[in-house]
Amino acid sequence: MVGTLLFVAYRARYRGPDRRGTTGPAAHPLGLLAAVAGVGVLAVAGRVSGRAGWVTTVALSWAASLWVLAGAVRVLRWRVVGDARSLRLGVVFVASGAAGAAAVWGEVAGSHPALLDVAGVAAAATAVTALTAALATPEVDSRLRPAVAVGAPVAVGLVAGAVAGGVPGLAPAAVATATGLLGGLAAAALVGGIKARAGALAWAGVGVLGAAAAALGGPGPLVLGGLAVLGSALGDLAGPYRVQRRRTLDVRVEAETARTDLAARQAAWAERVHDARSALLAVQGATRALTRRADHLRVDERDRLAAAIDAELDRVRALVGGADDDRVTPVRLADVLAPVVACRQGAGQRIEVAVPAELSVLARPSALREVVAALLDNAARHAAGTPVTVTAGSTVADVRLVVTDRGPGVAPQAREAIFERGVTTRPDVGSGLGLHVARRLARAGGGDLWVQDGDGGGAAFVLVLPSASGGGAARPAAAGPAAACDVDGAEELEGPNEKADLAALQFDHPVAAPGRGAHP
């Protein structure tokens, strides 16, 4: 049973054509025939013209570099795409280049011709063995062992060279025999490559023909053959390189997209956590004020504070549950602001309101409440203990809500920076998220938000909103009494937010800022 399993496992290894789409270009018969003709012309010309010493030296040096480089490129392709034939062709190229160079030098060097013949026999035998294996090897061979594929031809070549060198007078005949076998196999590779549309094999045949013809035509055919095999090898490697580069680019794009998406999700999550904490702190402060001062509040004041707490809790539920039923609609500004202001008044913040009851704007109520809450919380942190004034009025084109405190104000050079994410002038009391989200919400709704100097000192945050009606001039409105209670942790308020608001403010959906001509 064990033997059967091993046999099945061995036979299961794939040997056949490459079906992964990484093969090289197909063979073109006309181009191959032209290259063969060039090899023949150079061989004849070399035989007729003879050889010059320094020209031969330069040509052979160049040819050796071409063949070795072609072999290295073939081995590299095998390493990249697993092309089994490329590994064997790499051995063929290096050995063929050495055999051709030895054949040329054997005729022109005049020194140690026997040693050159032995080297030529060894190189030619190595090339013959490797080319025979390449002809029988499919493009993909899971049984291939690199050490055997390279070592076996080299071993055969060394044995052939040793035998040729050990028998007197055998070396010249062995050289002729090995050269003839190499030329015959090269012709077979050329014809087989054309029939199988295997460009690598066909061009290898042309190159090896050049190496075999070097014994007759000098270095010319060897150089031309080296150019043929190197060009083919580079062409075959270019395809996988383009595929791998495209895959690498796709992976980089996917990784960058994932990184951007993760950053956006983390930022949105940070805002949700931050806003939920702020909303709960506001509710906690108002609830403590309601329970501790219940005996000192009028019924209408208790009802208004309880309604404000319910409104804040509704926003927390929307944040946690992901409710998104808020749409842009005409709303009365005073009605939207009432629960936000009341909750913070109940938590101990002194707020005076002057908003016309009939003033209407086009806005998402939850977004508008979020912006105002962020501005009030900002005043509570940076101008603690000072009164805050909320006024509103209409212009020809829009409605402007102004939240003014009596704190130290904002330096001119910092008036844009404070609206950037994570930027705050006091890291000990804020995280730099409230104003950032507030401006994005304002601009997402077709308005804007900036800061300027207040009339009586401090900072005045101007919120521009699209008008839903003619509006009217601002006039004082009765503001509920502020509870005098203190709230633990009230200085941490950052402004509650809803999940629906954050869903409209993902970083991969930037909103263009409206015109800034109205900025001071």
Protein backbone atom coordinates (compact mmCIF):
# COMPACT_ATOMS: atom_id res chain seq x y z
CA MET A 1 0.00 0.00 0.00
CA VAL A 2 2.81 2.38 0.90
CA GLY A 3 4.51 1.62 -2.40
CA THR A 4 1.28 2.30 -4.28
CA LEU A 5 0.79 5.64 -2.54
CA LEU A 6 4.37 6.68 -3.28
CA PHE A 7 3.97 5.70 -6.92
CA VAL A 8 0.73 7.66 -7.24
CA ALA A 9 2.27 10.67 -5.53
CA TYR A 10 5.27 10.53 -7.87
CA ARG A 11 3.11 10.20 -10.95
CA ALA A 12 0.85 13.02 -9.77
CA ARG A 13 3.60 15.56 -10.24
CA TYR A 14 2.86 17.66 -13.29
CA ARG A 15 4.95 17.56 -16.46
CA GLY A 16 3.57 19.47 -19.42
CA PRO A 17 2.98 22.86 -21.03
CA ASP A 18 2.77 26.00 -18.95
CA ARG A 19 -0.89 26.95 -18.54
CA ARG A 20 -0.27 29.98 -16.35
CA GLY A 21 0.15 32.50 -19.16
CA THR A 22 3.81 33.26 -18.44
CA THR A 23 5.40 31.72 -21.54
CA GLY A 24 7.56 33.75 -23.88
CA PRO A 25 6.71 35.01 -27.37
CA ALA A 26 5.99 32.49 -30.10
CA ALA A 27 8.59 31.66 -32.76
CA HIS A 28 8.43 33.61 -36.05
CA PRO A 29 9.79 31.46 -38.93
CA LEU A 30 10.83 34.37 -41.14
CA GLY A 31 12.89 36.00 -38.43
CA LEU A 32 14.49 32.69 -37.52
CA LEU A 33 15.35 31.94 -41.12
CA ALA A 34 16.90 35.36 -41.46
CA ALA A 35 19.03 34.71 -38.38
CA VAL A 36 20.12 31.31 -39.74
CA ALA A 37 21.04 32.97 -43.03
CA GLY A 38 23.10 35.52 -41.12
CA VAL A 39 24.96 32.75 -39.33
CA GLY A 40 25.70 31.09 -42.64
CA VAL A 41 26.91 34.29 -44.27
CA LEU A 42 29.24 35.02 -41.36
CA ALA A 43 30.58 31.47 -41.45
CA VAL A 44 31.38 31.68 -45.15
CA ALA A 45 32.82 35.17 -44.84
CA GLY A 46 35.00 34.12 -41.92
CA ARG A 47 36.34 31.11 -43.81
CA VAL A 48 37.15 33.22 -46.89
CA SER A 49 38.64 36.25 -45.17
CA GLY A 50 40.61 34.50 -42.46
CA ARG A 51 41.02 35.79 -38.95
CA ALA A 52 42.88 38.72 -37.45
CA GLY A 53 44.43 38.30 -34.02
CA TRP A 54 43.19 41.32 -32.08
CA VAL A 55 39.81 41.33 -33.84
CA THR A 56 39.32 37.71 -32.86
CA THR A 57 40.27 38.45 -29.27
CA VAL A 58 37.78 41.29 -28.96
CA ALA A 59 35.03 39.35 -30.72
CA LEU A 60 35.52 36.28 -28.56
CA SER A 61 35.47 38.36 -25.37
CA TRP A 62 32.23 39.96 -26.47
CA ALA A 63 30.74 36.62 -27.52
CA ALA A 64 31.65 34.98 -24.21
CA SER A 65 29.93 37.81 -22.32
CA LEU A 66 26.79 37.45 -24.47
CA TRP A 67 26.52 33.69 -23.91
CA VAL A 68 27.17 33.84 -20.18
CA LEU A 69 24.68 36.67 -19.75
CA ALA A 70 22.08 34.78 -21.79
CA GLY A 71 22.56 31.77 -19.53
CA ALA A 72 22.16 33.91 -16.43
CA VAL A 73 18.94 35.44 -17.77
CA ARG A 74 17.56 31.97 -18.52
CA VAL A 75 18.32 30.81 -14.99
CA LEU A 76 16.66 33.97 -13.66
CA ARG A 77 13.51 33.23 -15.65
CA TRP A 78 13.47 29.74 -14.16
CA ARG A 79 13.71 31.25 -10.70
CA VAL A 80 10.91 33.73 -11.39
CA VAL A 81 8.30 31.58 -13.17
CA GLY A 82 9.54 28.00 -12.70
CA ASP A 83 10.17 27.39 -16.41
CA ALA A 84 12.02 24.06 -16.35
CA ARG A 85 13.29 24.37 -19.91
CA SER A 86 14.90 27.73 -19.14
CA LEU A 87 17.17 26.16 -16.52
CA ARG A 88 18.46 23.59 -19.00
CA LEU A 89 18.85 26.22 -21.72
CA GLY A 90 20.93 28.28 -19.31
CA VAL A 91 23.41 25.38 -19.13
CA VAL A 92 23.27 25.00 -22.93
CA PHE A 93 24.13 28.66 -23.52
CA VAL A 94 27.13 28.79 -21.22
CA ALA A 95 28.51 25.50 -22.55
CA SER A 96 27.88 26.39 -26.21
CA GLY A 97 29.61 29.72 -25.83
CA ALA A 98 32.61 27.98 -24.28
CA ALA A 99 32.67 25.33 -27.03
CA GLY A 100 32.54 27.92 -29.80
CA ALA A 101 35.26 30.03 -28.21
CA ALA A 102 37.48 26.98 -27.76
CA ALA A 103 36.94 25.98 -31.39
CA VAL A 104 37.99 29.41 -32.64
CA TRP A 105 41.04 29.61 -30.40
CA GLY A 106 42.03 26.10 -31.30
CA GLU A 107 42.69 27.26 -34.84
CA VAL A 108 44.21 30.71 -34.27
CA ALA A 109 45.95 30.68 -30.88
CA GLY A 110 48.78 28.36 -31.75
CA SER A 111 49.51 27.55 -28.09
CA HIS A 112 48.34 24.39 -26.33
CA PRO A 113 45.98 23.30 -29.14
CA ALA A 114 45.52 19.90 -27.51
CA LEU A 115 44.30 21.49 -24.28
CA LEU A 116 41.90 23.69 -26.24
CA ASP A 117 40.58 20.62 -28.06
CA VAL A 118 39.96 18.88 -24.75
CA ALA A 119 38.16 21.98 -23.42
CA GLY A 120 36.13 22.16 -26.62
CA VAL A 121 35.12 18.51 -26.32
CA ALA A 122 34.07 18.97 -22.67
CA ALA A 123 32.05 22.11 -23.42
CA ALA A 124 30.44 20.65 -26.54
CA ALA A 125 29.52 17.40 -24.74
CA THR A 126 27.98 19.45 -21.92
CA ALA A 127 25.97 21.49 -24.41
CA VAL A 128 24.83 18.36 -26.31
CA THR A 129 23.63 16.69 -23.11
CA ALA A 130 21.85 19.77 -21.81
CA LEU A 131 20.21 20.53 -25.18
CA THR A 132 19.00 16.94 -25.47
CA ALA A 133 17.41 17.25 -22.04
CA ALA A 134 15.93 20.64 -22.98
CA LEU A 135 14.27 19.12 -26.06
CA ALA A 136 12.64 16.46 -23.87
CA THR A 137 11.71 18.78 -21.01
CA PRO A 138 8.24 20.40 -20.88
CA GLU A 139 7.80 23.99 -19.79
CA VAL A 140 6.63 22.90 -16.35
CA ASP A 141 8.28 19.90 -14.69
CA SER A 142 7.54 19.34 -11.02
CA ARG A 143 10.01 16.45 -11.04
CA LEU A 144 12.91 18.69 -11.99
CA ARG A 145 15.89 18.66 -9.66
CA PRO A 146 18.11 21.69 -10.28
CA ALA A 147 21.26 19.99 -9.02
CA VAL A 148 20.74 17.08 -11.42
CA ALA A 149 19.70 19.34 -14.30
CA VAL A 150 22.95 21.29 -14.02
CA GLY A 151 25.31 18.65 -12.66
CA ALA A 152 24.52 15.81 -15.08
CA PRO A 153 25.52 17.65 -18.31
CA VAL A 154 28.62 19.05 -16.65
CA ALA A 155 29.61 15.57 -15.47
CA VAL A 156 29.10 14.14 -18.97
CA GLY A 157 31.22 16.93 -20.43
CA LEU A 158 34.04 16.37 -17.95
CA VAL A 159 34.08 12.62 -18.67
CA ALA A 160 34.09 13.25 -22.43
CA GLY A 161 36.93 15.74 -22.10
CA ALA A 162 38.95 13.38 -19.92
CA VAL A 163 38.51 10.52 -22.39
CA ALA A 164 39.44 12.74 -25.35
CA GLY A 165 42.51 13.99 -23.55
CA GLY A 166 43.58 10.55 -22.40
CA VAL A 167 43.61 8.89 -25.81
CA PRO A 168 46.28 10.25 -28.19
CA GLY A 169 44.88 11.65 -31.41
CA LEU A 170 41.29 11.32 -30.28
CA ALA A 171 40.74 14.98 -29.39
CA PRO A 172 40.40 16.39 -32.96
CA ALA A 173 37.98 13.64 -33.96
CA ALA A 174 36.03 14.16 -30.75
CA VAL A 175 35.82 17.87 -31.43
CA ALA A 176 34.45 17.26 -34.91
CA THR A 177 31.98 14.68 -33.64
CA ALA A 178 30.77 16.88 -30.76
CA THR A 179 30.45 19.89 -33.06
CA GLY A 180 28.42 17.87 -35.55
CA LEU A 181 26.10 16.57 -32.81
CA LEU A 182 25.68 20.07 -31.47
CA GLY A 183 24.77 21.42 -34.91
CA GLY A 184 22.29 18.59 -35.51
CA LEU A 185 20.58 19.11 -32.17
CA ALA A 186 20.49 22.86 -32.80
CA ALA A 187 18.70 22.25 -36.11
CA ALA A 188 16.25 19.93 -34.33
CA ALA A 189 15.62 22.59 -31.69
CA LEU A 190 14.99 25.18 -34.38
CA VAL A 191 12.50 23.02 -36.27
CA GLY A 192 10.82 21.76 -33.09
CA GLY A 193 10.52 25.27 -31.68
CA ILE A 194 8.87 26.52 -34.89
CA LYS A 195 6.38 23.64 -34.92
CA ALA A 196 5.55 23.97 -31.23
CA ARG A 197 5.51 27.79 -31.43
CA ALA A 198 8.11 27.79 -28.67
CA GLY A 199 10.19 30.86 -29.32
CA ALA A 200 12.75 30.13 -26.61
CA LEU A 201 13.62 26.71 -28.08
CA ALA A 202 13.71 27.96 -31.67
CA TRP A 203 16.00 30.88 -30.91
CA ALA A 204 18.20 28.61 -28.82
CA GLY A 205 18.60 26.46 -31.96
CA VAL A 206 19.71 29.51 -33.95
CA GLY A 207 22.21 30.48 -31.28
CA VAL A 208 23.70 27.01 -30.93
CA LEU A 209 24.02 26.79 -34.73
CA GLY A 210 26.13 29.92 -34.49
CA ALA A 211 28.32 28.29 -31.83
CA ALA A 212 28.76 25.18 -34.00
CA ALA A 213 29.55 27.30 -37.07
CA ALA A 214 32.26 29.15 -35.15
CA ALA A 215 34.61 26.27 -35.90
CA LEU A 216 34.27 27.15 -39.59
CA GLY A 217 33.52 30.85 -39.65
CA GLY A 218 35.46 32.35 -36.78
CA PRO A 219 33.94 34.54 -34.09
CA GLY A 220 31.25 36.11 -36.29
CA PRO A 221 28.66 33.32 -36.03
CA LEU A 222 29.42 32.97 -32.32
CA VAL A 223 28.67 36.67 -31.72
CA LEU A 224 25.48 36.51 -33.79
CA GLY A 225 24.35 33.38 -31.94
CA GLY A 226 25.03 35.07 -28.61
CA LEU A 227 22.93 38.05 -29.63
CA ALA A 228 20.10 35.70 -30.69
CA VAL A 229 19.97 33.74 -27.44
CA LEU A 230 20.41 36.83 -25.27
CA GLY A 231 17.64 38.70 -27.08
CA SER A 232 15.33 35.72 -26.78
CA ALA A 233 16.12 35.29 -23.09
CA LEU A 234 15.50 38.94 -22.34
CA GLY A 235 12.23 38.86 -24.29
CA ASP A 236 11.05 35.80 -22.38
CA LEU A 237 11.92 37.45 -19.07
CA ALA A 238 10.17 40.72 -19.98
CA GLY A 239 6.74 39.08 -20.02
CA PRO A 240 6.88 37.68 -16.47
CA TYR A 241 8.49 40.89 -15.32
CA ARG A 242 5.54 42.92 -16.62
CA VAL A 243 3.10 40.48 -15.05
CA GLN A 244 4.87 40.61 -11.71
CA ARG A 245 5.13 44.38 -11.85
CA ARG A 246 1.42 44.66 -12.57
CA ARG A 247 0.65 42.27 -9.72
CA THR A 248 2.94 44.21 -7.41
CA LEU A 249 1.24 47.45 -8.38
CA ASP A 250 -2.18 45.89 -7.79
CA VAL A 251 -1.06 44.67 -4.37
CA ARG A 252 0.33 48.11 -3.50
CA VAL A 253 -2.91 49.78 -4.60
CA GLU A 254 -4.96 47.30 -2.58
CA ALA A 255 -2.71 47.79 0.43
CA GLU A 256 -2.93 51.58 0.16
CA THR A 257 -6.71 51.40 -0.24
CA ALA A 258 -6.95 49.12 2.78
CA ARG A 259 -4.69 51.41 4.77
CA THR A 260 -6.76 54.47 3.85
CA ASP A 261 -9.99 52.65 4.63
CA LEU A 262 -8.62 51.46 7.95
CA ALA A 263 -7.46 54.97 8.84
CA ALA A 264 -10.89 56.35 7.98
CA ARG A 265 -12.61 53.67 10.04
CA GLN A 266 -10.30 54.28 12.98
CA ALA A 267 -10.88 58.02 12.76
CA ALA A 268 -14.64 57.56 12.55
CA TRP A 269 -14.54 55.16 15.48
CA ALA A 270 -12.48 57.61 17.52
CA GLU A 271 -15.05 60.31 16.82
CA ARG A 272 -17.92 58.03 17.79
CA VAL A 273 -16.26 57.11 21.07
CA HIS A 274 -15.37 60.72 21.75
CA ASP A 275 -18.89 61.97 20.96
CA ALA A 276 -20.61 59.23 22.95
CA ARG A 277 -18.50 60.11 25.98
CA SER A 278 -19.28 63.81 25.57
CA ALA A 279 -23.01 63.19 25.21
CA LEU A 280 -23.10 60.98 28.28
CA LEU A 281 -21.20 63.58 30.31
CA ALA A 282 -23.74 66.22 29.30
CA VAL A 283 -26.60 63.92 30.29
CA GLN A 284 -24.87 63.09 33.55
CA GLY A 285 -24.45 66.76 34.42
CA ALA A 286 -28.03 67.66 33.59
CA THR A 287 -29.36 64.64 35.49
CA ARG A 288 -27.41 65.57 38.61
CA ALA A 289 -28.68 69.10 38.39
CA LEU A 290 -32.24 67.83 38.03
CA THR A 291 -32.01 65.46 40.99
CA ARG A 292 -30.03 67.70 43.34
CA ARG A 293 -32.04 70.87 42.70
CA ALA A 294 -35.45 69.35 42.04
CA ASP A 295 -36.94 71.20 45.01
CA HIS A 296 -35.62 74.57 43.77
CA LEU A 297 -36.77 74.32 40.14
CA ARG A 298 -40.15 75.29 38.82
CA VAL A 299 -42.24 72.66 37.09
CA ASP A 300 -41.66 74.13 33.65
CA GLU A 301 -37.92 74.24 34.30
CA ARG A 302 -37.88 70.60 35.35
CA ASP A 303 -39.93 69.62 32.30
CA ARG A 304 -37.63 71.52 29.97
CA LEU A 305 -34.52 69.95 31.53
CA ALA A 306 -36.06 66.47 31.35
CA ALA A 307 -36.92 67.02 27.68
CA ALA A 308 -33.36 68.11 27.00
CA ILE A 309 -32.02 64.98 28.69
CA ASP A 310 -34.35 62.84 26.56
CA ALA A 311 -33.09 64.59 23.43
CA GLU A 312 -29.45 63.91 24.36
CA LEU A 313 -30.24 60.28 25.11
CA ASP A 314 -31.95 59.97 21.74
CA ARG A 315 -28.73 61.12 20.14
CA VAL A 316 -26.74 58.56 22.10
CA ARG A 317 -29.13 55.83 20.94
CA ALA A 318 -28.76 57.01 17.36
CA LEU A 319 -24.98 56.94 17.72
CA VAL A 320 -24.95 53.40 19.12
CA GLY A 321 -27.75 51.99 16.98
CA GLY A 322 -26.77 53.62 13.68
CA ALA A 323 -30.15 55.27 13.04
CA ASP A 324 -30.11 57.52 9.97
CA ASP A 325 -33.53 59.08 9.52
CA ASP A 326 -32.29 62.68 9.62
CA ARG A 327 -32.77 64.66 6.40
CA VAL A 328 -32.17 68.24 5.30
CA THR A 329 -35.39 70.08 6.03
CA PRO A 330 -36.60 73.57 6.94
CA VAL A 331 -36.40 73.86 10.73
CA ARG A 332 -36.84 76.68 13.21
CA LEU A 333 -33.45 77.48 14.64
CA ALA A 334 -34.75 78.17 18.17
CA ASP A 335 -36.54 74.81 18.34
CA VAL A 336 -33.42 72.88 17.37
CA LEU A 337 -31.19 74.74 19.81
CA ALA A 338 -33.53 74.57 22.80
CA PRO A 339 -32.67 71.05 24.10
CA VAL A 340 -28.92 71.50 23.53
CA VAL A 341 -28.85 74.81 25.38
CA ALA A 342 -31.15 73.61 28.15
CA CYS A 343 -29.07 70.52 28.87
CA ARG A 344 -25.90 72.56 29.23
CA GLN A 345 -27.61 75.22 31.26
CA GLY A 346 -28.77 72.50 33.59
CA ALA A 347 -25.17 71.25 33.80
CA GLY A 348 -24.05 74.64 35.10
CA GLN A 349 -22.95 76.51 31.99
CA ARG A 350 -24.10 80.14 31.80
CA ILE A 351 -25.66 80.67 28.39
CA GLU A 352 -27.67 83.64 27.14
CA VAL A 353 -29.73 83.12 23.98
CA ALA A 354 -30.98 85.73 21.50
CA VAL A 355 -32.45 83.82 18.58
CA PRO A 356 -35.64 84.96 16.77
CA ALA A 357 -38.37 82.40 17.20
CA GLU A 358 -39.42 82.61 13.54
CA LEU A 359 -35.90 82.26 12.10
CA SER A 360 -35.78 79.15 9.87
CA VAL A 361 -32.86 77.39 8.22
CA LEU A 362 -32.27 74.46 5.89
CA ALA A 363 -30.34 71.87 7.87
CA ARG A 364 -30.21 68.39 9.28
CA PRO A 365 -31.44 68.84 12.85
CA SER A 366 -28.96 66.36 14.32
CA ALA A 367 -26.04 67.96 12.49
CA LEU A 368 -27.09 71.44 13.60
CA ARG A 369 -27.41 70.31 17.22
CA GLU A 370 -23.99 68.70 16.97
CA VAL A 371 -22.34 71.87 15.70
CA VAL A 372 -23.90 74.05 18.41
CA ALA A 373 -23.06 71.49 21.09
CA ALA A 374 -19.43 71.45 19.94
CA LEU A 375 -19.25 75.27 20.11
CA LEU A 376 -20.80 75.36 23.59
CA ASP A 377 -18.50 72.60 24.82
CA ASN A 378 -15.51 74.42 23.37
CA ALA A 379 -16.50 77.56 25.28
CA ALA A 380 -16.91 75.49 28.47
CA ARG A 381 -13.38 74.17 28.13
CA HIS A 382 -11.46 77.22 26.98
CA ALA A 383 -13.49 79.96 28.66
CA ALA A 384 -14.64 78.16 31.77
CA GLY A 385 -16.76 80.22 34.15
CA THR A 386 -17.48 83.02 31.66
CA PRO A 387 -20.93 83.62 30.19
CA VAL A 388 -21.65 82.45 26.64
CA THR A 389 -23.94 84.34 24.29
CA VAL A 390 -25.79 82.70 21.41
CA THR A 391 -27.22 85.14 18.88
CA ALA A 392 -28.62 84.71 15.40
CA GLY A 393 -29.74 86.92 12.55
CA SER A 394 -30.48 86.69 8.86
CA THR A 395 -28.82 88.33 5.89
CA VAL A 396 -29.93 88.49 2.29
CA ALA A 397 -28.32 85.15 1.48
CA ASP A 398 -28.08 83.19 4.72
CA VAL A 399 -28.56 82.93 8.47
CA ARG A 400 -25.68 83.46 10.89
CA LEU A 401 -25.50 81.99 14.36
CA VAL A 402 -22.79 83.46 16.59
CA VAL A 403 -21.53 81.79 19.79
CA THR A 404 -19.46 84.26 21.82
CA ASP A 405 -17.54 83.64 25.01
CA ARG A 406 -15.53 85.93 27.30
CA GLY A 407 -12.36 83.86 27.38
CA PRO A 408 -8.86 84.68 26.13
CA GLY A 409 -9.90 84.41 22.47
CA VAL A 410 -8.01 82.76 19.62
CA ALA A 411 -4.77 84.15 18.20
CA PRO A 412 -5.07 85.17 14.52
CA GLN A 413 -2.39 82.70 13.42
CA ALA A 414 -4.27 79.81 15.05
CA ARG A 415 -7.78 80.55 13.73
CA GLU A 416 -7.54 78.08 10.90
CA ALA A 417 -5.40 75.49 12.65
CA ILE A 418 -7.94 74.89 15.44
CA PHE A 419 -10.36 73.43 12.89
CA GLU A 420 -7.86 70.76 11.82
CA ARG A 421 -8.27 67.26 13.19
CA GLY A 422 -6.32 66.70 16.41
CA VAL A 423 -5.24 70.35 16.78
CA THR A 424 -6.04 72.06 20.06
CA THR A 425 -4.55 75.00 21.95
CA ARG A 426 -5.00 73.12 25.24
CA PRO A 427 -4.26 69.40 24.95
CA ASP A 428 -5.02 68.96 28.64
CA VAL A 429 -8.74 69.71 28.16
CA GLY A 430 -9.50 68.76 24.55
CA SER A 431 -8.63 66.26 21.83
CA GLY A 432 -9.06 68.54 18.82
CA LEU A 433 -12.08 66.70 17.39
CA GLY A 434 -15.06 68.90 18.29
CA LEU A 435 -14.32 71.95 16.13
CA HIS A 436 -12.99 69.77 13.32
CA VAL A 437 -16.25 67.83 13.09
CA ALA A 438 -18.30 70.99 13.55
CA ARG A 439 -16.76 72.71 10.53
CA ARG A 440 -17.13 69.60 8.39
CA LEU A 441 -20.79 69.32 9.33
CA ALA A 442 -21.34 72.99 8.58
CA ARG A 443 -19.73 72.77 5.16
CA ALA A 444 -21.44 69.48 4.36
CA GLY A 445 -24.76 71.28 4.90
CA GLY A 446 -23.86 74.15 2.55
CA GLY A 447 -22.68 76.55 5.24
CA ASP A 448 -19.42 77.41 6.93
CA LEU A 449 -17.83 78.00 10.32
CA TRP A 450 -15.02 80.30 11.41
CA VAL A 451 -13.81 82.20 14.46
CA GLN A 452 -13.23 85.89 14.98
CA ASP A 453 -12.81 88.31 17.86
CA GLY A 454 -15.87 88.87 20.00
CA ASP A 455 -17.30 92.39 20.39
CA GLY A 456 -16.59 92.42 24.10
CA GLY A 457 -13.46 90.28 23.98
CA GLY A 458 -13.09 86.53 23.79
CA ALA A 459 -13.85 84.40 20.75
CA ALA A 460 -16.90 84.55 18.49
CA PHE A 461 -17.61 81.46 16.41
CA VAL A 462 -19.74 82.33 13.36
CA LEU A 463 -21.90 79.52 11.91
CA VAL A 464 -23.38 80.26 8.47
CA LEU A 465 -26.52 78.32 7.52
CA PRO A 466 -28.71 78.30 4.39
CA SER A 467 -31.86 80.28 5.00
CA ALA A 468 -35.24 78.59 4.66
CA SER A 469 -37.25 81.82 5.03
CA GLY A 470 -36.81 85.56 5.12
CA GLY A 471 -35.91 85.39 8.79
CA GLY A 472 -35.75 88.56 10.81
CA ALA A 473 -33.52 90.69 12.92
CA ALA A 474 -32.24 89.13 16.08
CA ARG A 475 -33.98 90.11 19.23
CA PRO A 476 -33.47 88.90 22.77
CA ALA A 477 -35.40 85.82 23.79
CA ALA A 478 -36.08 84.65 27.28
CA ALA A 479 -33.40 82.30 28.46
CA GLY A 480 -34.10 79.79 31.16
CA PRO A 481 -32.32 80.19 34.46
CA ALA A 482 -29.05 78.41 34.72
CA ALA A 483 -28.62 75.89 37.48
CA ALA A 484 -25.76 76.69 39.78
CA CYS A 485 -24.65 73.11 40.28
CA ASP A 486 -21.15 71.87 39.45
CA VAL A 487 -20.67 68.77 37.35
CA ASP A 488 -17.81 66.32 37.75
CA GLY A 489 -16.01 65.94 34.47
CA ALA A 490 -17.91 68.77 32.74
CA GLU A 491 -14.64 70.19 31.49
CA GLU A 492 -14.23 67.10 29.31
CA LEU A 493 -17.27 67.82 27.17
CA GLU A 494 -16.36 67.75 23.49
CA GLY A 495 -19.77 67.77 21.80
CA PRO A 496 -21.91 64.71 21.10
CA ASN A 497 -22.22 63.33 17.62
CA GLU A 498 -24.45 60.85 15.86
CA LYS A 499 -23.50 57.94 13.70
CA ALA A 500 -25.56 59.44 10.90
CA ASP A 501 -23.44 62.59 11.06
CA LEU A 502 -20.20 60.65 10.93
CA ALA A 503 -21.40 58.50 8.03
CA ALA A 504 -21.62 61.66 5.92
CA LEU A 505 -18.12 62.75 6.90
CA GLN A 506 -15.85 59.85 5.91
CA PHE A 507 -12.37 60.99 4.92
CA ASP A 508 -12.68 59.47 1.46
CA HIS A 509 -15.58 61.84 0.68
CA PRO A 510 -14.11 65.35 1.06
CA VAL A 511 -16.53 68.27 0.79
CA ALA A 512 -15.36 71.38 -1.04
CA ALA A 513 -15.44 74.47 1.09
CA PRO A 514 -17.87 77.20 -0.04
CA GLY A 515 -16.75 80.70 -0.89
CA ARG A 516 -14.71 82.40 1.78
CA GLY A 517 -15.44 85.99 0.79
CA ALA A 518 -17.39 86.59 3.98
CA HIS A 519 -14.52 85.70 6.22
CA PRO A 520 -13.13 88.52 8.28
